[in-house]
C-alpha atoms as a PDB file:
ATOM      1  CA  MET A   1     178.192 114.853  -2.216  1.00  0.00           C
ATOM      2  CA  ILE A   2     179.890 117.553  -4.289  1.00  0.00           C
ATOM      3  CA  ASP A   3     180.825 116.461  -7.808  1.00  0.00           C
ATOM      4  CA  CYS A   4     184.429 117.558  -8.458  1.00  0.00           C
ATOM      5  CA  ARG A   5     186.397 117.472 -11.718  1.00  0.00           C
ATOM      6  CA  TYR A   6     190.112 118.225 -11.424  1.00  0.00           C
ATOM      7  CA  HIS A   7     192.182 119.832 -14.192  1.00  0.00           C
ATOM      8  CA  LYS A   8     195.889 120.168 -13.465  1.00  0.00           C
ATOM      9  CA  ALA A   9     197.776 123.012 -15.094  1.00  0.00           C
ATOM     10  CA  PRO A  10     200.351 121.939 -17.669  1.00  0.00           C
ATOM     11  CA  GLY A  11     203.994 122.662 -16.971  1.00  0.00           C
ATOM     12  CA  GLY A  12     206.334 122.365 -14.034  1.00  0.00           C
ATOM     13  CA  ASP A  13     205.918 122.270 -10.320  1.00  0.00           C
ATOM     14  CA  GLY A  14     206.287 125.081  -7.813  1.00  0.00           C
ATOM     15  CA  SER A  15     203.831 127.292  -6.017  1.00  0.00           C
ATOM     16  CA  ARG A  16     200.465 126.649  -7.597  1.00  0.00           C
ATOM     17  CA  ILE A  17     197.043 128.192  -7.293  1.00  0.00           C
ATOM     18  CA  LEU A  18     193.830 126.226  -6.918  1.00  0.00           C
ATOM     19  CA  LEU A  19     190.795 127.744  -8.615  1.00  0.00           C
ATOM     20  CA  VAL A  20     187.435 126.383  -7.425  1.00  0.00           C
ATOM     21  CA  MET A  21     184.696 126.815 -10.033  1.00  0.00           C
ATOM     22  CA  LEU A  22     181.083 126.905  -8.836  1.00  0.00           C
ATOM     23  CA  PRO A  23     178.184 126.691 -11.314  1.00  0.00           C
ATOM     24  CA  GLY A  24     174.661 127.994 -11.430  1.00  0.00           C
ATOM     25  CA  ILE A  25     171.517 125.893 -11.222  1.00  0.00           C
ATOM     26  CA  GLY A  26     171.314 123.148 -13.827  1.00  0.00           C
ATOM     27  CA  ILE A  27     174.983 123.377 -14.813  1.00  0.00           C
ATOM     28  CA  ALA A  28     177.136 120.256 -14.534  1.00  0.00           C
ATOM     29  CA  ALA A  29     180.719 120.330 -13.276  1.00  0.00           C
ATOM     30  CA  GLY A  30     181.983 119.111 -16.631  1.00  0.00           C
ATOM     31  CA  GLU A  31     180.556 122.089 -18.488  1.00  0.00           C
ATOM     32  CA  PHE A  32     183.318 124.406 -17.270  1.00  0.00           C
ATOM     33  CA  ALA A  33     185.767 122.413 -19.400  1.00  0.00           C
ATOM     34  CA  GLU A  34     183.300 121.837 -22.241  1.00  0.00           C
ATOM     35  CA  ARG A  35     182.597 125.568 -22.523  1.00  0.00           C
ATOM     36  CA  GLY A  36     186.274 126.505 -22.589  1.00  0.00           C
ATOM     37  CA  LEU A  37     186.666 128.182 -19.195  1.00  0.00           C
ATOM     38  CA  VAL A  38     189.367 125.761 -18.083  1.00  0.00           C
ATOM     39  CA  THR A  39     191.225 126.054 -21.386  1.00  0.00           C
ATOM     40  CA  SER A  40     191.113 129.848 -21.147  1.00  0.00           C
ATOM     41  CA  VAL A  41     193.215 129.559 -17.988  1.00  0.00           C
ATOM     42  CA  HIS A  42     195.660 126.903 -19.096  1.00  0.00           C
ATOM     43  CA  ASP A  43     196.284 128.340 -22.585  1.00  0.00           C
ATOM     44  CA  ARG A  44     197.826 131.346 -20.838  1.00  0.00           C
ATOM     45  CA  GLY A  45     200.387 129.169 -19.120  1.00  0.00           C
ATOM     46  CA  LEU A  46     199.145 130.104 -15.673  1.00  0.00           C
ATOM     47  CA  PRO A  47     200.141 127.884 -12.710  1.00  0.00           C
ATOM     48  CA  VAL A  48     196.480 127.435 -11.841  1.00  0.00           C
ATOM     49  CA  ASP A  49     194.981 124.034 -11.140  1.00  0.00           C
ATOM     50  CA  VAL A  50     191.205 123.965 -11.515  1.00  0.00           C
ATOM     51  CA  VAL A  51     188.578 122.010  -9.644  1.00  0.00           C
ATOM     52  CA  ALA A  52     185.207 122.345 -11.335  1.00  0.00           C
ATOM     53  CA  THR A  53     182.432 121.489  -8.899  1.00  0.00           C
ATOM     54  CA  ARG A  54     178.710 120.991  -8.719  1.00  0.00           C
ATOM     55  CA  PRO A  55     177.347 121.237  -5.163  1.00  0.00           C
ATOM     56  CA  PRO A  56     173.816 119.884  -4.687  1.00  0.00           C
ATOM     57  CA  LEU A  57     171.152 122.583  -4.519  1.00  0.00           C
ATOM     58  CA  ASP A  58     170.261 121.306  -1.043  1.00  0.00           C
ATOM     59  CA  HIS A  59     173.530 122.758   0.290  1.00  0.00           C
ATOM     60  CA  TYR A  60     172.265 126.218  -0.635  1.00  0.00           C
ATOM     61  CA  LEU A  61     168.758 125.610   0.672  1.00  0.00           C
ATOM     62  CA  ASP A  62     169.865 124.315   4.071  1.00  0.00           C
ATOM     63  CA  GLY A  63     172.682 126.835   4.545  1.00  0.00           C
ATOM     64  CA  THR A  64     175.510 124.285   4.539  1.00  0.00           C
ATOM     65  CA  ILE A  65     177.217 125.321   1.286  1.00  0.00           C
ATOM     66  CA  ALA A  66     180.252 126.925   2.978  1.00  0.00           C
ATOM     67  CA  ALA A  67     180.767 124.005   5.353  1.00  0.00           C
ATOM     68  CA  GLU A  68     180.439 121.407   2.592  1.00  0.00           C
ATOM     69  CA  LEU A  69     182.832 123.247   0.272  1.00  0.00           C
ATOM     70  CA  HIS A  70     185.345 123.464   3.079  1.00  0.00           C
ATOM     71  CA  ARG A  71     185.051 119.779   3.918  1.00  0.00           C
ATOM     72  CA  ALA A  72     184.962 118.376   0.382  1.00  0.00           C
ATOM     73  CA  VAL A  73     187.190 120.796  -1.548  1.00  0.00           C
ATOM     74  CA  VAL A  74     189.234 123.211   0.538  1.00  0.00           C
ATOM     75  CA  GLU A  75     190.489 120.988   3.356  1.00  0.00           C
ATOM     76  CA  PRO A  76     191.879 118.383   0.910  1.00  0.00           C
ATOM     77  CA  ALA A  77     193.489 121.196  -1.097  1.00  0.00           C
ATOM     78  CA  LEU A  78     195.203 122.621   1.963  1.00  0.00           C
ATOM     79  CA  ARG A  79     196.492 119.188   2.899  1.00  0.00           C
ATOM     80  CA  GLN A  80     197.965 118.938  -0.611  1.00  0.00           C
ATOM     81  CA  GLY A  81     199.898 122.146   0.009  1.00  0.00           C
ATOM     82  CA  TYR A  82     197.928 124.714  -1.944  1.00  0.00           C
ATOM     83  CA  ALA A  83     198.665 128.128  -0.422  1.00  0.00           C
ATOM     84  CA  ARG A  84     196.657 130.258  -2.859  1.00  0.00           C
ATOM     85  CA  LEU A  85     192.936 129.633  -3.226  1.00  0.00           C
ATOM     86  CA  TRP A  86     190.606 131.378  -5.675  1.00  0.00           C
ATOM     87  CA  PHE A  87     186.908 130.958  -6.392  1.00  0.00           C
ATOM     88  CA  LEU A  88     185.002 131.511  -9.611  1.00  0.00           C
ATOM     89  CA  GLY A  89     181.230 131.547  -9.191  1.00  0.00           C
ATOM     90  CA  ILE A  90     178.655 131.785 -11.962  1.00  0.00           C
ATOM     91  CA  SER A  91     175.066 132.797 -11.136  1.00  0.00           C
ATOM     92  CA  LEU A  92     174.077 130.859  -7.977  1.00  0.00           C
ATOM     93  CA  GLY A  93     177.701 129.749  -7.785  1.00  0.00           C
ATOM     94  CA  GLY A  94     178.597 133.377  -7.177  1.00  0.00           C
ATOM     95  CA  MET A  95     176.463 133.302  -4.076  1.00  0.00           C
ATOM     96  CA  GLY A  96     178.212 130.090  -3.040  1.00  0.00           C
ATOM     97  CA  ALA A  97     181.632 131.696  -3.441  1.00  0.00           C
ATOM     98  CA  LEU A  98     180.580 134.714  -1.382  1.00  0.00           C
ATOM     99  CA  LEU A  99     179.011 132.563   1.326  1.00  0.00           C
ATOM    100  CA  TYR A 100     182.273 130.639   1.596  1.00  0.00           C
ATOM    101  CA  ALA A 101     184.157 133.916   1.908  1.00  0.00           C
ATOM    102  CA  THR A 102     181.873 135.105   4.695  1.00  0.00           C
ATOM    103  CA  VAL A 103     183.126 132.218   6.837  1.00  0.00           C
ATOM    104  CA  HIS A 104     186.676 131.671   5.568  1.00  0.00           C
ATOM    105  CA  ASP A 105     187.788 134.949   3.989  1.00  0.00           C
ATOM    106  CA  ALA A 106     191.291 134.567   5.438  1.00  0.00           C
ATOM    107  CA  LEU A 107     191.759 131.443   3.307  1.00  0.00           C
ATOM    108  CA  VAL A 108     190.608 133.005   0.034  1.00  0.00           C
ATOM    109  CA  GLU A 109     192.994 135.070  -2.055  1.00  0.00           C
ATOM    110  CA  GLY A 110     190.421 136.056  -4.658  1.00  0.00           C
ATOM    111  CA  VAL A 111     186.832 135.677  -5.848  1.00  0.00           C
ATOM    112  CA  VAL A 112     185.563 136.159  -9.398  1.00  0.00           C
ATOM    113  CA  LEU A 113     181.806 136.620  -9.747  1.00  0.00           C
ATOM    114  CA  LEU A 114     180.242 136.159 -13.168  1.00  0.00           C
ATOM    115  CA  ALA A 115     176.582 137.231 -13.275  1.00  0.00           C
ATOM    116  CA  PRO A 116     176.232 136.361  -9.582  1.00  0.00           C
ATOM    117  CA  PHE A 117     172.929 135.722  -7.839  1.00  0.00           C
ATOM    118  CA  LEU A 118     172.795 138.493  -5.238  1.00  0.00           C
ATOM    119  CA  GLY A 119     169.269 137.873  -4.030  1.00  0.00           C
ATOM    120  CA  THR A 120     165.706 137.536  -5.179  1.00  0.00           C
ATOM    121  CA  GLN A 121     163.995 140.332  -7.092  1.00  0.00           C
ATOM    122  CA  GLY A 122     162.537 141.527  -3.801  1.00  0.00           C
ATOM    123  CA  THR A 123     165.960 141.694  -2.167  1.00  0.00           C
ATOM    124  CA  VAL A 124     167.500 143.528  -5.124  1.00  0.00           C
ATOM    125  CA  ALA A 125     164.564 145.948  -5.036  1.00  0.00           C
ATOM    126  CA  GLU A 126     165.326 146.605  -1.360  1.00  0.00           C
ATOM    127  CA  LEU A 127     168.926 147.415  -2.249  1.00  0.00           C
ATOM    128  CA  ALA A 128     167.835 149.809  -4.974  1.00  0.00           C
ATOM    129  CA  GLU A 129     165.223 151.511  -2.779  1.00  0.00           C
ATOM    130  CA  ALA A 130     167.812 151.964  -0.033  1.00  0.00           C
ATOM    131  CA  GLY A 131     170.069 153.788  -2.463  1.00  0.00           C
ATOM    132  CA  GLY A 132     172.553 150.967  -2.859  1.00  0.00           C
ATOM    133  CA  LEU A 133     174.391 148.322  -0.914  1.00  0.00           C
ATOM    134  CA  ALA A 134     176.023 150.755   1.507  1.00  0.00           C
ATOM    135  CA  SER A 135     172.661 152.143   2.697  1.00  0.00           C
ATOM    136  CA  TRP A 136     170.766 148.845   2.860  1.00  0.00           C
ATOM    137  CA  ARG A 137     169.820 147.666   6.355  1.00  0.00           C
ATOM    138  CA  ALA A 138     169.690 143.963   7.133  1.00  0.00           C
ATOM    139  CA  GLY A 139     167.527 144.470  10.217  1.00  0.00           C
ATOM    140  CA  THR A 140     164.490 145.564   8.221  1.00  0.00           C
ATOM    141  CA  SER A 141     165.084 143.297   5.245  1.00  0.00           C
ATOM    142  CA  THR A 142     162.875 140.425   4.121  1.00  0.00           C
ATOM    143  CA  ALA A 143     165.879 138.709   2.522  1.00  0.00           C
ATOM    144  CA  THR A 144     166.625 135.093   3.345  1.00  0.00           C
ATOM    145  CA  ALA A 145     169.204 134.280   6.003  1.00  0.00           C
ATOM    146  CA  SER A 146     171.783 133.356   3.343  1.00  0.00           C
ATOM    147  CA  GLU A 147     171.134 136.546   1.394  1.00  0.00           C
ATOM    148  CA  ARG A 148     171.546 138.652   4.527  1.00  0.00           C
ATOM    149  CA  GLN A 149     174.747 136.842   5.465  1.00  0.00           C
ATOM    150  CA  MET A 150     176.213 137.481   2.014  1.00  0.00           C
ATOM    151  CA  LEU A 151     175.084 141.112   1.746  1.00  0.00           C
ATOM    152  CA  VAL A 152     176.189 142.064   5.262  1.00  0.00           C
ATOM    153  CA  TRP A 153     179.634 140.633   4.513  1.00  0.00           C
ATOM    154  CA  LEU A 154     179.771 142.579   1.226  1.00  0.00           C
ATOM    155  CA  GLN A 155     178.820 145.781   3.057  1.00  0.00           C
ATOM    156  CA  ARG A 156     181.658 145.327   5.539  1.00  0.00           C
ATOM    157  CA  PHE A 157     184.139 144.199   2.925  1.00  0.00           C
ATOM    158  CA  LEU A 158     183.437 147.096   0.565  1.00  0.00           C
ATOM    159  CA  SER A 159     183.402 149.749   3.265  1.00  0.00           C
ATOM    160  CA  GLN A 160     187.002 149.033   4.294  1.00  0.00           C
ATOM    161  CA  PRO A 161     188.517 146.588   1.799  1.00  0.00           C
ATOM    162  CA  PRO A 162     191.036 144.220   3.450  1.00  0.00           C
ATOM    163  CA  LEU A 163     194.069 142.763   1.720  1.00  0.00           C
ATOM    164  CA  ARG A 164     192.085 139.681   0.753  1.00  0.00           C
ATOM    165  CA  PRO A 165     190.143 138.438  -0.974  1.00  0.00           C
ATOM    166  CA  ALA A 166     190.474 140.316  -4.248  1.00  0.00           C
ATOM    167  CA  LEU A 167     186.976 140.653  -5.705  1.00  0.00           C
ATOM    168  CA  TYR A 168     186.186 140.784  -9.431  1.00  0.00           C
ATOM    169  CA  LEU A 169     182.771 141.141 -11.082  1.00  0.00           C
ATOM    170  CA  GLY A 170     181.674 140.421 -14.632  1.00  0.00           C
ATOM    171  CA  TYR A 171     178.178 140.592 -16.097  1.00  0.00           C
ATOM    172  CA  GLY A 172     176.321 140.877 -19.391  1.00  0.00           C
ATOM    173  CA  CYS A 173     174.713 144.231 -20.123  1.00  0.00           C
ATOM    174  CA  ASP A 174     171.496 142.452 -21.110  1.00  0.00           C
ATOM    175  CA  ASP A 175     171.530 139.962 -18.237  1.00  0.00           C
ATOM    176  CA  ARG A 176     168.115 139.735 -16.579  1.00  0.00           C
ATOM    177  CA  PHE A 177     169.865 140.195 -13.214  1.00  0.00           C
ATOM    178  CA  ALA A 178     172.009 143.138 -14.348  1.00  0.00           C
ATOM    179  CA  ALA A 179     170.223 145.626 -12.056  1.00  0.00           C
ATOM    180  CA  GLY A 180     171.694 143.864  -9.036  1.00  0.00           C
ATOM    181  CA  HIS A 181     175.090 143.514 -10.689  1.00  0.00           C
ATOM    182  CA  ARG A 182     175.250 147.264 -11.290  1.00  0.00           C
ATOM    183  CA  LEU A 183     174.577 147.919  -7.611  1.00  0.00           C
ATOM    184  CA  LEU A 184     177.632 145.829  -6.737  1.00  0.00           C
ATOM    185  CA  ALA A 185     179.692 147.321  -9.577  1.00  0.00           C
ATOM    186  CA  ASP A 186     179.071 150.792  -8.160  1.00  0.00           C
ATOM    187  CA  ARG A 187     181.000 149.781  -5.034  1.00  0.00           C
ATOM    188  CA  LEU A 188     183.982 148.135  -6.747  1.00  0.00           C
ATOM    189  CA  PRO A 189     187.072 149.688  -8.356  1.00  0.00           C
ATOM    190  CA  LYS A 190     186.510 150.065 -12.093  1.00  0.00           C
ATOM    191  CA  ALA A 191     189.521 147.872 -12.787  1.00  0.00           C
ATOM    192  CA  ARG A 192     187.749 144.996 -11.014  1.00  0.00           C
ATOM    193  CA  VAL A 193     184.566 145.151 -13.145  1.00  0.00           C
ATOM    194  CA  VAL A 194     184.143 143.815 -16.681  1.00  0.00           C
ATOM    195  CA  THR A 195     181.044 143.818 -18.867  1.00  0.00           C
ATOM    196  CA  ALA A 196     180.081 142.350 -22.215  1.00  0.00           C
ATOM    197  CA  ASN A 197     177.168 142.473 -24.587  1.00  0.00           C
ATOM    198  CA  GLY A 198     174.921 139.525 -23.862  1.00  0.00           C
ATOM    199  CA  GLY A 199     172.675 137.938 -21.303  1.00  0.00           C
ATOM    200  CA  HIS A 200     172.689 135.152 -18.734  1.00  0.00           C
ATOM    201  CA  ASP A 201     174.342 132.499 -20.902  1.00  0.00           C
ATOM    202  CA  TRP A 202     177.562 130.596 -21.485  1.00  0.00           C
ATOM    203  CA  GLU A 203     178.731 132.655 -24.458  1.00  0.00           C
ATOM    204  CA  THR A 204     178.615 135.818 -22.352  1.00  0.00           C
ATOM    205  CA  TRP A 205     180.215 134.168 -19.314  1.00  0.00           C
ATOM    206  CA  ALA A 206     183.084 132.802 -21.425  1.00  0.00           C
ATOM    207  CA  THR A 207     183.723 136.278 -22.853  1.00  0.00           C
ATOM    208  CA  LEU A 208     183.624 137.827 -19.379  1.00  0.00           C
ATOM    209  CA  TRP A 209     186.029 135.213 -18.027  1.00  0.00           C
ATOM    210  CA  ARG A 210     188.560 135.947 -20.762  1.00  0.00           C
ATOM    211  CA  ARG A 211     188.310 139.663 -19.973  1.00  0.00           C
ATOM    212  CA  VAL A 212     188.878 139.015 -16.289  1.00  0.00           C
ATOM    213  CA  LEU A 213     191.938 136.938 -17.180  1.00  0.00           C
ATOM    214  CA  ASP A 214     193.189 139.817 -19.345  1.00  0.00           C
ATOM    215  CA  ALA A 215     193.370 141.839 -16.105  1.00  0.00           C
ATOM    216  CA  GLU A 216     195.831 139.231 -14.744  1.00  0.00           C
ATOM    217  CA  PRO A 217     194.056 138.604 -11.435  1.00  0.00           C
ATOM    218  CA  PHE A 218     196.481 135.877 -10.359  1.00  0.00           C
ATOM    219  CA  ALA A 219     199.624 137.938 -10.968  1.00  0.00           C
ATOM    220  CA  ALA A 220     199.549 140.236  -7.958  1.00  0.00           C
ATOM    221  CA  ARG A 221     200.022 138.829  -4.514  1.00  0.00           C
ATOM    222  CA  SER A 222     200.781 140.940  -1.495  1.00  0.00           C
ATOM    223  CA  ALA A 223     203.847 139.905   0.480  1.00  0.00           C
ATOM    224  CA  GLU A 224     201.701 140.318   3.590  1.00  0.00           C
ATOM    225  CA  LEU A 225     199.464 137.390   2.664  1.00  0.00           C
ATOM    226  CA  ASP A 226     200.238 134.391   4.778  1.00  0.00           C
ATOM    227  CA  ALA A 227     199.703 130.847   3.575  1.00  0.00           C
ATOM    228  CA  PRO A 228     196.321 129.584   4.741  1.00  0.00           C
ATOM    229  CA  THR A 229     195.932 126.849   7.277  1.00  0.00           C
ATOM    230  CA  ILE A 230     193.080 124.466   7.937  1.00  0.00           C
ATOM    231  CA  GLU A 231     190.478 125.946  10.272  1.00  0.00           C
END
């Protein structure tokens, strides 16, 4: 079962956004509020309701993370009338957000990745040796099935970016996984990448999140985006 903590935006009604927060290993759902990430959204007066989650690690290990997120979080949100869905993933949660997008990208307006897990050291080394994400070949890779699924989707997405989802990346310059983050950053528009001094820790992630919010990711919405429906 996915632990979910809901935080409604203050203010009036109207068209609202649902932001699904996904944590890394060992992080509880309640920590998003405790560490100020929820407040950073609501203090700006944004019409963004937040659901902070903690999926069991087993959902990643058995490849069911996308299906379980859809069942436990997204389907109820769609039934409640949410037409704009965003994901924020930290560390392993970044992988979870991307894996959801690989299956349901038409439902997702945007994804924010903070220090995302993009693969094991061996997989990141493959990316670097290939000359980057665009040149990497899944067919000869030793990456796990989930890693390949995520990276193949990123290759396609970044080669011809569609209208959705919008993709933002933030990482600490001293993060132990920064080598992989830079490989992804090289393929994104500069306006969609933020960095901060710091490592793989809450202080850095909170700073990165505020800098992403400074870019007003929720403000722009193409008129061509249709409201999602349950799949």
